[in-house]
Amino acid sequence: MQGDKTIDYLFIVADIKTHYYYIAAIIMVVTFICSGRLSLMRRIALSLLLPYIFLVFASTVLDRSRDKEAKGVFRLFRDYEEIRKGTELGEYLKKELTLNILMLVPIGVLVPIIARRKKIIKTVLTALTLSTAIEVTQLATKRGYFEFDDIFHNTVGALIAAIVTILIMSVFSVMKKE
């Protein structure tokens, strides 16, 4: 199909494995320069957030080879059954689950620093949007599995990090006032 060849060509052009960090550095510098109206702390956080989003997307989509068919697991908490059995596959899935929780922790740290209000909602929406975009792109381009569990665990990781970050920010705010 013509559409599949176009997608393959775009991914060949975008297959920049060794250059991910250079692109991320450029995004960081440009973001810092262009966000001059923000406070220094918010500028730094935004300058870390955007390249991190790029690196996550690059490593979860661009750096994967194309499968013959689109694959997906559309049942939430499917892996928990295997994890409970304690099998070798269950141990592997436990590691995957942990990595999925940790993957968007930086989103949960940085978004509350950038956002002025509704920090939790903005964090959850950012994580949910990014994770869903990754999973849908993986499904549409046949580069990985679409999994509801990944979306859930990515979002939970960002949420936990946001709660901890907001608590720490509150403590520092109280200490600063005293």
C-alpha atoms as a PDB file:
ATOM      1  CA  MET A   1       0.000   0.000   0.000  1.00  0.00           C
ATOM      2  CA  GLN A   2       1.150   3.514  -0.803  1.00  0.00           C
ATOM      3  CA  GLY A   3       0.320   4.840   2.689  1.00  0.00           C
ATOM      4  CA  ASP A   4       2.504   2.209   4.361  1.00  0.00           C
ATOM      5  CA  LYS A   5       5.450   3.104   2.111  1.00  0.00           C
ATOM      6  CA  THR A   6       5.055   6.764   3.010  1.00  0.00           C
ATOM      7  CA  ILE A   7       5.070   5.937   6.735  1.00  0.00           C
ATOM      8  CA  ASP A   8       8.162   3.727   6.244  1.00  0.00           C
ATOM      9  CA  TYR A   9       9.953   6.551   4.404  1.00  0.00           C
ATOM     10  CA  LEU A  10       9.123   9.057   7.138  1.00  0.00           C
ATOM     11  CA  PHE A  11      10.507   6.721   9.784  1.00  0.00           C
ATOM     12  CA  ILE A  12      13.701   6.095   7.776  1.00  0.00           C
ATOM     13  CA  VAL A  13      14.238   9.856   7.566  1.00  0.00           C
ATOM     14  CA  ALA A  14      13.379  10.275  11.243  1.00  0.00           C
ATOM     15  CA  ASP A  15      15.469   7.295  12.412  1.00  0.00           C
ATOM     16  CA  ILE A  16      17.984   9.458  14.217  1.00  0.00           C
ATOM     17  CA  LYS A  17      19.105   7.068  16.956  1.00  0.00           C
ATOM     18  CA  THR A  18      22.477   8.614  17.691  1.00  0.00           C
ATOM     19  CA  HIS A  19      21.172  12.139  17.325  1.00  0.00           C
ATOM     20  CA  TYR A  20      18.314  12.032  19.850  1.00  0.00           C
ATOM     21  CA  TYR A  21      20.346  13.845  22.465  1.00  0.00           C
ATOM     22  CA  TYR A  22      21.561  16.520  20.060  1.00  0.00           C
ATOM     23  CA  ILE A  23      17.998  17.260  19.018  1.00  0.00           C
ATOM     24  CA  ALA A  24      16.903  17.261  22.662  1.00  0.00           C
ATOM     25  CA  ALA A  25      19.699  19.737  23.481  1.00  0.00           C
ATOM     26  CA  ILE A  26      18.595  22.013  20.650  1.00  0.00           C
ATOM     27  CA  ILE A  27      14.982  21.833  21.872  1.00  0.00           C
ATOM     28  CA  MET A  28      16.203  22.678  25.380  1.00  0.00           C
ATOM     29  CA  VAL A  29      18.185  25.733  24.310  1.00  0.00           C
ATOM     30  CA  VAL A  30      15.489  27.063  21.975  1.00  0.00           C
ATOM     31  CA  THR A  31      12.829  26.575  24.666  1.00  0.00           C
ATOM     32  CA  PHE A  32      14.935  28.391  27.255  1.00  0.00           C
ATOM     33  CA  ILE A  33      15.568  31.305  24.901  1.00  0.00           C
ATOM     34  CA  CYS A  34      11.938  31.558  23.764  1.00  0.00           C
ATOM     35  CA  SER A  35      10.414  31.347  27.253  1.00  0.00           C
ATOM     36  CA  GLY A  36      11.983  34.561  28.532  1.00  0.00           C
ATOM     37  CA  ARG A  37       8.791  35.884  30.145  1.00  0.00           C
ATOM     38  CA  LEU A  38       8.578  32.995  32.616  1.00  0.00           C
ATOM     39  CA  SER A  39      10.319  32.927  35.979  1.00  0.00           C
ATOM     40  CA  LEU A  40      13.729  31.262  35.941  1.00  0.00           C
ATOM     41  CA  MET A  41      12.427  28.131  37.715  1.00  0.00           C
ATOM     42  CA  ARG A  42       9.525  27.732  35.266  1.00  0.00           C
ATOM     43  CA  ARG A  43      11.838  28.400  32.293  1.00  0.00           C
ATOM     44  CA  ILE A  44      14.229  25.688  33.435  1.00  0.00           C
ATOM     45  CA  ALA A  45      11.371  23.240  34.032  1.00  0.00           C
ATOM     46  CA  LEU A  46       9.876  23.897  30.580  1.00  0.00           C
ATOM     47  CA  SER A  47      13.345  23.621  29.018  1.00  0.00           C
ATOM     48  CA  LEU A  48      13.686  20.167  30.581  1.00  0.00           C
ATOM     49  CA  LEU A  49      10.110  19.053  29.902  1.00  0.00           C
ATOM     50  CA  LEU A  50       9.982  19.513  26.120  1.00  0.00           C
ATOM     51  CA  PRO A  51      13.215  17.648  25.313  1.00  0.00           C
ATOM     52  CA  TYR A  52      12.175  14.890  27.720  1.00  0.00           C
ATOM     53  CA  ILE A  53       8.873  14.496  25.865  1.00  0.00           C
ATOM     54  CA  PHE A  54      10.819  14.288  22.602  1.00  0.00           C
ATOM     55  CA  LEU A  55      13.190  11.646  24.012  1.00  0.00           C
ATOM     56  CA  VAL A  56      10.317   9.548  25.362  1.00  0.00           C
ATOM     57  CA  PHE A  57       8.520   9.685  22.019  1.00  0.00           C
ATOM     58  CA  ALA A  58      11.721   8.952  20.110  1.00  0.00           C
ATOM     59  CA  SER A  59      12.607   5.950  22.246  1.00  0.00           C
ATOM     60  CA  THR A  60       9.101   4.481  22.284  1.00  0.00           C
ATOM     61  CA  VAL A  61       8.205   5.051  18.627  1.00  0.00           C
ATOM     62  CA  LEU A  62      11.059   6.195  16.390  1.00  0.00           C
ATOM     63  CA  ASP A  63      13.611   3.723  17.713  1.00  0.00           C
ATOM     64  CA  ARG A  64      11.436   0.680  17.078  1.00  0.00           C
ATOM     65  CA  SER A  65      11.351  -1.518  14.017  1.00  0.00           C
ATOM     66  CA  ARG A  66       8.142  -1.911  12.077  1.00  0.00           C
ATOM     67  CA  ASP A  67       6.054  -5.053  12.654  1.00  0.00           C
ATOM     68  CA  LYS A  68       4.061  -6.784   9.927  1.00  0.00           C
ATOM     69  CA  GLU A  69       0.776  -6.035  11.648  1.00  0.00           C
ATOM     70  CA  ALA A  70      -0.607  -3.676  14.249  1.00  0.00           C
ATOM     71  CA  LYS A  71      -0.789  -5.227  17.706  1.00  0.00           C
ATOM     72  CA  GLY A  72      -2.606  -4.221  20.827  1.00  0.00           C
ATOM     73  CA  VAL A  73      -3.712  -5.380  24.241  1.00  0.00           C
ATOM     74  CA  PHE A  74      -7.003  -3.704  24.963  1.00  0.00           C
ATOM     75  CA  ARG A  75      -7.724  -5.229  28.375  1.00  0.00           C
ATOM     76  CA  LEU A  76      -6.745  -3.187  31.412  1.00  0.00           C
ATOM     77  CA  PHE A  77      -4.705  -5.001  34.123  1.00  0.00           C
ATOM     78  CA  ARG A  78      -4.136  -8.053  31.917  1.00  0.00           C
ATOM     79  CA  ASP A  79      -0.536  -8.441  33.085  1.00  0.00           C
ATOM     80  CA  TYR A  80      -1.483  -8.637  36.773  1.00  0.00           C
ATOM     81  CA  GLU A  81      -2.762 -12.183  36.371  1.00  0.00           C
ATOM     82  CA  GLU A  82       0.606 -13.349  35.052  1.00  0.00           C
ATOM     83  CA  ILE A  83       2.518 -11.364  37.685  1.00  0.00           C
ATOM     84  CA  ARG A  84       0.489 -13.037  40.465  1.00  0.00           C
ATOM     85  CA  LYS A  85       1.456 -16.481  39.132  1.00  0.00           C
ATOM     86  CA  GLY A  86       5.128 -15.695  39.777  1.00  0.00           C
ATOM     87  CA  THR A  87       6.295 -17.096  36.442  1.00  0.00           C
ATOM     88  CA  GLU A  88       9.333 -15.950  34.494  1.00  0.00           C
ATOM     89  CA  LEU A  89       6.973 -14.021  32.212  1.00  0.00           C
ATOM     90  CA  GLY A  90       5.374 -12.520  35.317  1.00  0.00           C
ATOM     91  CA  GLU A  91       8.765 -11.294  36.540  1.00  0.00           C
ATOM     92  CA  TYR A  92       9.432  -9.708  33.140  1.00  0.00           C
ATOM     93  CA  LEU A  93       5.993  -8.056  33.173  1.00  0.00           C
ATOM     94  CA  LYS A  94       6.632  -6.741  36.701  1.00  0.00           C
ATOM     95  CA  LYS A  95       9.770  -5.000  35.437  1.00  0.00           C
ATOM     96  CA  GLU A  96       7.845  -3.596  32.451  1.00  0.00           C
ATOM     97  CA  LEU A  97       5.100  -2.333  34.771  1.00  0.00           C
ATOM     98  CA  THR A  98       7.677  -0.635  37.009  1.00  0.00           C
ATOM     99  CA  LEU A  99       9.384   0.998  34.032  1.00  0.00           C
ATOM    100  CA  ASN A 100       6.030   2.214  32.728  1.00  0.00           C
ATOM    101  CA  ILE A 101       5.273   3.816  36.088  1.00  0.00           C
ATOM    102  CA  LEU A 102       8.715   5.469  36.164  1.00  0.00           C
ATOM    103  CA  MET A 103       8.701   6.609  32.522  1.00  0.00           C
ATOM    104  CA  LEU A 104       6.592   9.742  33.048  1.00  0.00           C
ATOM    105  CA  VAL A 105       7.738  10.601  36.583  1.00  0.00           C
ATOM    106  CA  PRO A 106       9.668  13.609  35.162  1.00  0.00           C
ATOM    107  CA  ILE A 107       6.359  14.886  33.747  1.00  0.00           C
ATOM    108  CA  GLY A 108       4.950  14.690  37.273  1.00  0.00           C
ATOM    109  CA  VAL A 109       7.871  16.696  38.622  1.00  0.00           C
ATOM    110  CA  LEU A 110       8.105  19.343  35.893  1.00  0.00           C
ATOM    111  CA  VAL A 111       4.455  20.130  35.061  1.00  0.00           C
ATOM    112  CA  PRO A 112       3.589  21.232  38.635  1.00  0.00           C
ATOM    113  CA  ILE A 113       6.570  23.597  38.559  1.00  0.00           C
ATOM    114  CA  ILE A 114       5.406  25.103  35.265  1.00  0.00           C
ATOM    115  CA  ALA A 115       1.665  25.250  36.038  1.00  0.00           C
ATOM    116  CA  ARG A 116       0.346  27.996  38.267  1.00  0.00           C
ATOM    117  CA  ARG A 117      -3.048  26.465  39.002  1.00  0.00           C
ATOM    118  CA  LYS A 118      -4.684  23.057  38.727  1.00  0.00           C
ATOM    119  CA  LYS A 119      -1.292  21.364  38.870  1.00  0.00           C
ATOM    120  CA  ILE A 120      -2.642  17.828  39.371  1.00  0.00           C
ATOM    121  CA  ILE A 121      -5.179  18.086  36.550  1.00  0.00           C
ATOM    122  CA  LYS A 122      -2.600  19.543  34.156  1.00  0.00           C
ATOM    123  CA  THR A 123      -0.098  16.832  35.087  1.00  0.00           C
ATOM    124  CA  VAL A 124      -2.596  14.018  34.588  1.00  0.00           C
ATOM    125  CA  LEU A 125      -3.808  15.476  31.281  1.00  0.00           C
ATOM    126  CA  THR A 126      -0.238  15.924  30.031  1.00  0.00           C
ATOM    127  CA  ALA A 127       0.748  12.373  30.984  1.00  0.00           C
ATOM    128  CA  LEU A 128      -2.487  10.887  29.649  1.00  0.00           C
ATOM    129  CA  THR A 129      -2.177  12.773  26.359  1.00  0.00           C
ATOM    130  CA  LEU A 130       1.487  11.886  25.851  1.00  0.00           C
ATOM    131  CA  SER A 131       1.017   8.244  26.759  1.00  0.00           C
ATOM    132  CA  THR A 132      -2.085   7.894  24.573  1.00  0.00           C
ATOM    133  CA  ALA A 133      -0.301   9.604  21.662  1.00  0.00           C
ATOM    134  CA  ILE A 134       2.583   7.152  21.990  1.00  0.00           C
ATOM    135  CA  GLU A 135       0.315   4.103  22.130  1.00  0.00           C
ATOM    136  CA  VAL A 136      -1.862   5.244  19.212  1.00  0.00           C
ATOM    137  CA  THR A 137       1.227   6.074  17.148  1.00  0.00           C
ATOM    138  CA  GLN A 138       2.707   2.646  17.928  1.00  0.00           C
ATOM    139  CA  LEU A 139      -0.521   0.998  16.782  1.00  0.00           C
ATOM    140  CA  ALA A 140      -0.947   3.159  13.663  1.00  0.00           C
ATOM    141  CA  THR A 141       2.662   2.747  12.534  1.00  0.00           C
ATOM    142  CA  LYS A 142       3.027  -0.883  13.661  1.00  0.00           C
ATOM    143  CA  ARG A 143       5.959   0.049  15.905  1.00  0.00           C
ATOM    144  CA  GLY A 144       5.157  -1.588  19.218  1.00  0.00           C
ATOM    145  CA  TYR A 145       2.038  -2.684  21.060  1.00  0.00           C
ATOM    146  CA  PHE A 146      -0.889  -0.491  21.989  1.00  0.00           C
ATOM    147  CA  GLU A 147      -1.573  -1.290  25.650  1.00  0.00           C
ATOM    148  CA  PHE A 148      -4.120   0.310  27.965  1.00  0.00           C
ATOM    149  CA  ASP A 149      -1.946  -0.829  30.869  1.00  0.00           C
ATOM    150  CA  ASP A 150       0.907   1.364  29.599  1.00  0.00           C
ATOM    151  CA  ILE A 151      -1.344   4.432  29.456  1.00  0.00           C
ATOM    152  CA  PHE A 152      -2.646   3.726  32.963  1.00  0.00           C
ATOM    153  CA  HIS A 153       0.766   3.070  34.532  1.00  0.00           C
ATOM    154  CA  ASN A 154       2.455   6.021  32.795  1.00  0.00           C
ATOM    155  CA  THR A 155      -0.290   8.328  34.088  1.00  0.00           C
ATOM    156  CA  VAL A 156      -0.177   6.890  37.619  1.00  0.00           C
ATOM    157  CA  GLY A 157       3.598   7.442  37.739  1.00  0.00           C
ATOM    158  CA  ALA A 158       3.201  11.076  36.718  1.00  0.00           C
ATOM    159  CA  LEU A 159       0.375  11.554  39.235  1.00  0.00           C
ATOM    160  CA  ILE A 160       2.392  10.143  42.145  1.00  0.00           C
ATOM    161  CA  ALA A 161       5.378  12.311  41.203  1.00  0.00           C
ATOM    162  CA  ALA A 162       3.124  15.376  40.956  1.00  0.00           C
ATOM    163  CA  ILE A 163       1.682  14.794  44.416  1.00  0.00           C
ATOM    164  CA  VAL A 164       5.165  14.423  45.912  1.00  0.00           C
ATOM    165  CA  THR A 165       6.423  17.499  44.023  1.00  0.00           C
ATOM    166  CA  ILE A 166       3.486  19.635  45.143  1.00  0.00           C
ATOM    167  CA  LEU A 167       3.996  18.538  48.753  1.00  0.00           C
ATOM    168  CA  ILE A 168       7.697  19.420  48.574  1.00  0.00           C
ATOM    169  CA  MET A 169       6.890  22.769  46.937  1.00  0.00           C
ATOM    170  CA  SER A 170       4.372  23.480  49.721  1.00  0.00           C
ATOM    171  CA  VAL A 171       6.939  22.725  52.421  1.00  0.00           C
ATOM    172  CA  PHE A 172       9.481  25.028  50.783  1.00  0.00           C
ATOM    173  CA  SER A 173       6.838  27.724  50.362  1.00  0.00           C
ATOM    174  CA  VAL A 174       5.979  27.569  54.085  1.00  0.00           C
ATOM    175  CA  MET A 175       9.666  27.584  55.035  1.00  0.00           C
ATOM    176  CA  LYS A 176      10.312  30.551  52.765  1.00  0.00           C
ATOM    177  CA  LYS A 177       7.497  32.567  54.432  1.00  0.00           C
ATOM    178  CA  GLU A 178       8.891  31.982  57.931  1.00  0.00           C
END
